[in-house]
Amino acid sequence: MDGEIGDFLRSRRARIQPEEVGLPSYGRRRVPGLRREEVAQLAGVSVDYYVRLEQGRGPSVSDAVLDAVARVLRLDGAEHDYLRAVARPRRRDDDRRAVSRVRPGVQLILDGMERNPAYVLDHRMDVLGWNALADALLGFDGIGSGERNIPRRVFLDPASRDLYPHWAEIAGQTVAHLRLQAGHHPGDAAMAELVAELSRASEDFRRLWADHAVDPCDHGVKHLRHPVAGPLTLPYETLTIPGAPDQTIVAYAPEAGSETAERLALLGSWTTSHTG
């Protein structure tokens, strides 16, 4: 994550043309978008101060300055939160030594969601726990723990392109969520190793990572093409677990009576009959 804030701010400056913010556009520009001097002017800070911020030399930067920069660069809520995280990184010892486990009570909740595929992710998008229907849908139980990682499956498993008919959209969302989490966990060596592994192995991941998109992906709709259940349209919601802020329940919740809900019910019955 070295140089992350500079890369992020440069990518966001490049999105905005001077005329969009009322500045004259003249002369030959070496880089697209706004210059550092223009961002500093619009944010009401000195050029030197802004340069130090881009260079990661502003750990005591105030919320007011970060808010002003976010306003100038038209950052959305997730991007604004990410800027604060990378501008004032906090190393957390628990990132390096914690072993992620799902509390027994949380597993009972998952198991009780018989009609809804549900699983728990940590901040690295490792799958820590799941219920029977999620296993029938995504096959967590039959693979090794290292493979139970969403980014690895999306980018390194060729079958993911068959499972997700809108693979490019899923890939973009996955990287945007992972980058957001990486910004909030700068001391996590395992996160850095995961990003390095995916960057080496996948050109698609490298390209998307270089875009610096960030998104919590906390709700939405996913489309799957399951080999047994067929096409599925799955609205999903995420819930942060109290007492375990880096763990999130992802629950798919198709509308009752919908074709997807019926297909999931058949999948659950088919799985039971073939494993019983």
Protein backbone atom coordinates (compact mmCIF):
# COMPACT_ATOMS: atom_id res chain seq x y z
CA MET A 1 0.00 0.00 0.00
CA ASP A 2 3.05 2.30 -0.19
CA GLY A 3 2.21 5.42 -2.20
CA GLU A 4 -1.47 4.50 -2.16
CA ILE A 5 -2.78 7.96 -1.31
CA GLY A 6 -0.78 9.57 -4.11
CA ASP A 7 -1.94 7.04 -6.70
CA PHE A 8 -5.54 7.41 -5.51
CA LEU A 9 -5.56 11.22 -5.59
CA ARG A 10 -3.85 11.35 -8.98
CA SER A 11 -6.44 8.96 -10.41
CA ARG A 12 -9.22 11.15 -9.07
CA ARG A 13 -7.64 14.38 -10.33
CA ALA A 14 -7.46 12.81 -13.78
CA ARG A 15 -11.25 12.41 -13.89
CA ILE A 16 -11.99 16.14 -13.68
CA GLN A 17 -11.34 18.66 -16.42
CA PRO A 18 -10.50 22.28 -15.47
CA GLU A 19 -13.53 23.73 -17.24
CA GLU A 20 -15.80 21.50 -15.15
CA VAL A 21 -14.78 23.42 -12.03
CA GLY A 22 -14.63 26.88 -13.54
CA LEU A 23 -10.91 27.00 -14.30
CA PRO A 24 -9.47 28.04 -17.67
CA SER A 25 -8.03 25.23 -19.75
CA TYR A 26 -4.99 26.54 -21.56
CA GLY A 27 -1.49 25.38 -22.34
CA ARG A 28 -0.23 21.87 -22.85
CA ARG A 29 -0.96 19.58 -19.91
CA ARG A 30 1.46 16.80 -19.06
CA VAL A 31 -1.23 14.87 -17.19
CA PRO A 32 -4.99 14.59 -17.74
CA GLY A 33 -7.40 16.39 -15.45
CA LEU A 34 -6.57 18.83 -12.69
CA ARG A 35 -3.06 19.79 -11.67
CA ARG A 36 -1.96 19.64 -8.05
CA GLU A 37 -1.87 23.43 -7.93
CA GLU A 38 -5.48 23.63 -9.10
CA VAL A 39 -6.70 21.14 -6.50
CA ALA A 40 -4.86 23.09 -3.79
CA GLN A 41 -6.40 26.37 -4.98
CA LEU A 42 -9.93 24.99 -5.06
CA ALA A 43 -9.52 23.27 -1.68
CA GLY A 44 -8.15 26.41 -0.05
CA VAL A 45 -4.78 24.98 1.00
CA SER A 46 -1.22 25.76 -0.01
CA VAL A 47 0.33 23.87 -2.89
CA ASP A 48 3.07 22.59 -0.59
CA TYR A 49 0.49 21.26 1.87
CA TYR A 50 -1.38 19.42 -0.88
CA VAL A 51 1.83 18.01 -2.37
CA ARG A 52 2.81 16.64 1.04
CA LEU A 53 -0.64 15.05 1.31
CA GLU A 54 -0.21 13.28 -2.04
CA GLN A 55 3.23 12.12 -0.96
CA GLY A 56 1.83 10.54 2.19
CA ARG A 57 3.54 13.03 4.47
CA GLY A 58 0.39 14.40 6.08
CA PRO A 59 -0.57 12.04 8.94
CA SER A 60 -1.95 14.96 10.95
CA VAL A 61 -4.09 16.31 8.12
CA SER A 62 -7.41 17.60 9.43
CA ASP A 63 -10.89 16.39 8.56
CA ALA A 64 -11.61 19.86 7.17
CA VAL A 65 -8.80 19.59 4.63
CA LEU A 66 -9.75 16.06 3.63
CA ASP A 67 -13.38 17.15 3.28
CA ALA A 68 -12.32 20.06 1.07
CA VAL A 69 -10.18 17.81 -1.15
CA ALA A 70 -13.03 15.29 -1.37
CA ARG A 71 -15.40 18.07 -2.43
CA VAL A 72 -13.04 19.34 -5.13
CA LEU A 73 -12.41 15.83 -6.49
CA ARG A 74 -16.11 14.95 -6.27
CA LEU A 75 -15.53 11.83 -4.21
CA ASP A 76 -18.54 9.73 -3.31
CA GLY A 77 -19.11 8.45 0.23
CA ALA A 78 -16.99 5.32 -0.13
CA GLU A 79 -14.15 7.24 -1.79
CA HIS A 80 -14.27 9.89 0.95
CA ASP A 81 -14.01 7.22 3.67
CA TYR A 82 -11.15 5.59 1.78
CA LEU A 83 -9.29 8.91 1.52
CA ARG A 84 -9.51 9.34 5.28
CA ALA A 85 -8.24 5.80 5.84
CA VAL A 86 -5.20 6.07 3.56
CA ALA A 87 -4.40 9.65 4.62
CA ARG A 88 -4.16 8.60 8.28
CA PRO A 89 -3.25 4.92 8.24
CA ARG A 90 -3.51 3.05 11.52
CA ARG A 91 -1.57 -0.14 11.94
CA ARG A 92 -3.56 -2.75 13.75
CA ASP A 93 -1.77 -5.62 15.46
CA ASP A 94 -4.84 -7.83 15.19
CA ASP A 95 -4.56 -7.75 11.38
CA ARG A 96 -1.31 -9.69 11.62
CA ARG A 97 -2.08 -12.22 14.30
CA ALA A 98 -5.85 -12.76 14.46
CA VAL A 99 -7.34 -16.05 13.32
CA SER A 100 -10.75 -15.43 11.84
CA ARG A 101 -13.49 -17.66 13.21
CA VAL A 102 -17.25 -17.44 13.17
CA ARG A 103 -18.89 -17.45 16.59
CA PRO A 104 -21.15 -20.48 17.21
CA GLY A 105 -24.15 -18.18 17.62
CA VAL A 106 -23.54 -16.65 14.21
CA GLN A 107 -23.32 -20.12 12.64
CA LEU A 108 -26.68 -20.97 14.21
CA ILE A 109 -28.16 -17.89 12.57
CA LEU A 110 -26.78 -18.98 9.20
CA ASP A 111 -28.15 -22.48 9.64
CA GLY A 112 -31.56 -21.06 10.51
CA MET A 113 -31.76 -19.24 7.18
CA GLU A 114 -32.97 -22.32 5.32
CA ARG A 115 -34.42 -20.46 2.33
CA ASN A 116 -31.60 -17.94 1.99
CA PRO A 117 -28.04 -18.77 0.94
CA ALA A 118 -25.83 -16.96 3.45
CA TYR A 119 -22.15 -16.88 4.36
CA VAL A 120 -19.67 -14.84 6.39
CA LEU A 121 -16.77 -12.91 4.88
CA ASP A 122 -13.84 -11.25 6.62
CA HIS A 123 -12.12 -8.10 5.37
CA ARG A 124 -9.93 -10.13 2.96
CA MET A 125 -13.11 -11.68 1.54
CA ASP A 126 -12.21 -15.09 2.96
CA VAL A 127 -15.35 -17.19 3.48
CA LEU A 128 -15.39 -18.13 7.18
CA GLY A 129 -18.76 -19.85 7.52
CA TRP A 130 -21.82 -20.71 5.45
CA ASN A 131 -25.15 -22.50 5.53
CA ALA A 132 -26.23 -25.53 3.55
CA LEU A 133 -27.93 -23.59 0.76
CA ALA A 134 -24.89 -21.34 0.26
CA ASP A 135 -22.75 -24.48 0.00
CA ALA A 136 -25.15 -25.94 -2.58
CA LEU A 137 -24.98 -22.69 -4.52
CA LEU A 138 -21.26 -21.93 -4.33
CA GLY A 139 -19.57 -25.17 -3.23
CA PHE A 140 -17.57 -23.98 -0.22
CA ASP A 141 -17.35 -27.28 1.62
CA GLY A 142 -15.60 -29.25 -1.09
CA ILE A 143 -12.57 -26.97 -1.52
CA GLY A 144 -9.53 -26.05 0.57
CA SER A 145 -9.55 -23.08 2.91
CA GLY A 146 -7.17 -21.14 0.66
CA GLU A 147 -9.65 -21.44 -2.20
CA ARG A 148 -12.49 -20.13 -0.05
CA ASN A 149 -11.60 -16.56 -0.95
CA ILE A 150 -13.90 -14.60 -3.25
CA PRO A 151 -11.21 -12.68 -5.21
CA ARG A 152 -9.23 -15.87 -5.82
CA ARG A 153 -12.31 -17.66 -7.10
CA VAL A 154 -13.38 -14.78 -9.32
CA PHE A 155 -9.98 -14.22 -10.93
CA LEU A 156 -8.17 -17.56 -10.71
CA ASP A 157 -10.95 -20.14 -11.17
CA PRO A 158 -11.99 -20.42 -14.85
CA ALA A 159 -15.37 -21.78 -13.76
CA SER A 160 -16.28 -18.37 -12.31
CA ARG A 161 -16.86 -17.00 -15.81
CA ASP A 162 -19.55 -19.64 -16.31
CA LEU A 163 -21.02 -19.12 -12.85
CA TYR A 164 -21.29 -15.33 -13.28
CA PRO A 165 -22.80 -14.41 -16.67
CA HIS A 166 -21.97 -10.76 -15.88
CA TRP A 167 -18.42 -11.64 -14.90
CA ALA A 168 -16.88 -8.23 -15.70
CA GLU A 169 -19.32 -6.53 -13.34
CA ILE A 170 -18.60 -9.02 -10.55
CA ALA A 171 -14.86 -8.65 -11.09
CA GLY A 172 -15.06 -4.87 -10.81
CA GLN A 173 -17.14 -5.01 -7.66
CA THR A 174 -14.80 -7.55 -6.09
CA VAL A 175 -11.71 -5.42 -6.67
CA ALA A 176 -13.43 -2.23 -5.53
CA HIS A 177 -14.47 -3.87 -2.26
CA LEU A 178 -11.06 -5.43 -1.70
CA ARG A 179 -9.27 -2.11 -2.27
CA LEU A 180 -11.61 -0.37 0.18
CA GLN A 181 -10.84 -2.99 2.82
CA ALA A 182 -7.09 -2.84 2.09
CA GLY A 183 -7.16 0.90 2.75
CA HIS A 184 -8.68 0.30 6.17
CA HIS A 185 -6.13 -2.44 7.03
CA PRO A 186 -2.72 -1.07 6.02
CA GLY A 187 -0.85 -3.34 8.45
CA ASP A 188 -2.34 -6.58 7.16
CA ALA A 189 0.48 -8.63 5.63
CA ALA A 190 -1.94 -11.34 4.47
CA MET A 191 -3.97 -8.73 2.58
CA ALA A 192 -0.81 -7.44 0.88
CA GLU A 193 0.17 -11.01 -0.06
CA LEU A 194 -3.29 -11.63 -1.53
CA VAL A 195 -3.13 -8.49 -3.67
CA ALA A 196 0.39 -9.39 -4.82
CA GLU A 197 -0.67 -12.95 -5.71
CA LEU A 198 -3.66 -11.79 -7.73
CA SER A 199 -1.62 -9.07 -9.44
CA ARG A 200 0.93 -11.66 -10.57
CA ALA A 201 -1.62 -14.20 -11.71
CA SER A 202 -4.35 -12.13 -13.34
CA GLU A 203 -4.05 -9.37 -15.93
CA ASP A 204 -7.70 -8.50 -15.32
CA PHE A 205 -7.05 -8.01 -11.62
CA ARG A 206 -3.99 -5.82 -12.31
CA ARG A 207 -5.98 -3.62 -14.66
CA LEU A 208 -8.90 -3.20 -12.28
CA TRP A 209 -6.63 -2.63 -9.27
CA ALA A 210 -4.92 0.19 -11.15
CA ASP A 211 -8.28 1.96 -11.54
CA HIS A 212 -8.37 2.66 -7.76
CA ALA A 213 -12.14 2.14 -7.61
CA VAL A 214 -13.55 1.69 -4.10
CA ASP A 215 -17.02 0.44 -3.22
CA PRO A 216 -18.42 -1.28 -0.10
CA CYS A 217 -20.71 -3.48 -2.25
CA ASP A 218 -23.03 -3.75 0.74
CA HIS A 219 -26.19 -4.53 -1.23
CA GLY A 220 -27.29 -5.16 -4.78
CA VAL A 221 -28.22 -7.95 -7.16
CA LYS A 222 -26.06 -10.77 -8.49
CA HIS A 223 -26.83 -13.00 -11.44
CA LEU A 224 -25.63 -16.60 -11.36
CA ARG A 225 -25.82 -19.46 -13.84
CA HIS A 226 -25.80 -22.55 -11.63
CA PRO A 227 -25.06 -25.92 -13.28
CA VAL A 228 -28.04 -27.55 -11.49
CA ALA A 229 -30.45 -24.72 -10.61
CA GLY A 230 -29.99 -22.75 -13.81
CA PRO A 231 -30.14 -18.94 -14.06
CA LEU A 232 -30.67 -17.13 -10.76
CA THR A 233 -31.34 -13.49 -9.93
CA LEU A 234 -30.20 -12.93 -6.36
CA PRO A 235 -30.70 -9.67 -4.47
CA TYR A 236 -28.28 -9.54 -1.54
CA GLU A 237 -27.78 -7.59 1.67
CA THR A 238 -24.78 -7.50 4.01
CA LEU A 239 -24.80 -7.20 7.79
CA THR A 240 -21.80 -6.40 9.98
CA ILE A 241 -21.53 -8.73 12.98
CA PRO A 242 -21.52 -6.96 16.38
CA GLY A 243 -18.28 -7.63 18.23
CA ALA A 244 -16.57 -8.69 14.99
CA PRO A 245 -16.51 -5.54 12.83
CA ASP A 246 -14.36 -7.17 10.15
CA GLN A 247 -16.88 -9.97 9.61
CA THR A 248 -19.93 -9.55 7.42
CA ILE A 249 -22.91 -11.79 6.75
CA VAL A 250 -23.79 -11.86 3.06
CA ALA A 251 -27.36 -13.07 2.58
CA TYR A 252 -29.14 -13.65 -0.72
CA ALA A 253 -32.84 -12.83 -0.45
CA PRO A 254 -34.88 -13.51 -3.59
CA GLU A 255 -38.50 -12.45 -3.46
CA ALA A 256 -40.83 -15.15 -2.13
CA GLY A 257 -42.60 -16.96 -4.94
CA SER A 258 -40.15 -15.78 -7.57
CA GLU A 259 -38.64 -18.16 -10.09
CA THR A 260 -35.28 -17.84 -8.36
CA ALA A 261 -36.79 -18.69 -4.96
CA GLU A 262 -38.39 -21.79 -6.48
CA ARG A 263 -35.14 -22.81 -8.14
CA LEU A 264 -33.27 -22.41 -4.84
CA ALA A 265 -35.84 -24.57 -3.06
CA LEU A 266 -35.36 -27.27 -5.70
CA LEU A 267 -31.58 -26.94 -5.36
CA GLY A 268 -31.83 -27.43 -1.61
CA SER A 269 -34.00 -30.51 -2.09
CA TRP A 270 -31.72 -31.91 -4.80
CA THR A 271 -28.66 -31.41 -2.60
CA THR A 272 -30.31 -33.11 0.36
CA SER A 273 -31.36 -36.10 -1.74
CA HIS A 274 -27.83 -36.51 -3.13
CA THR A 275 -25.99 -36.18 0.17
CA GLY A 276 -28.37 -37.90 2.50
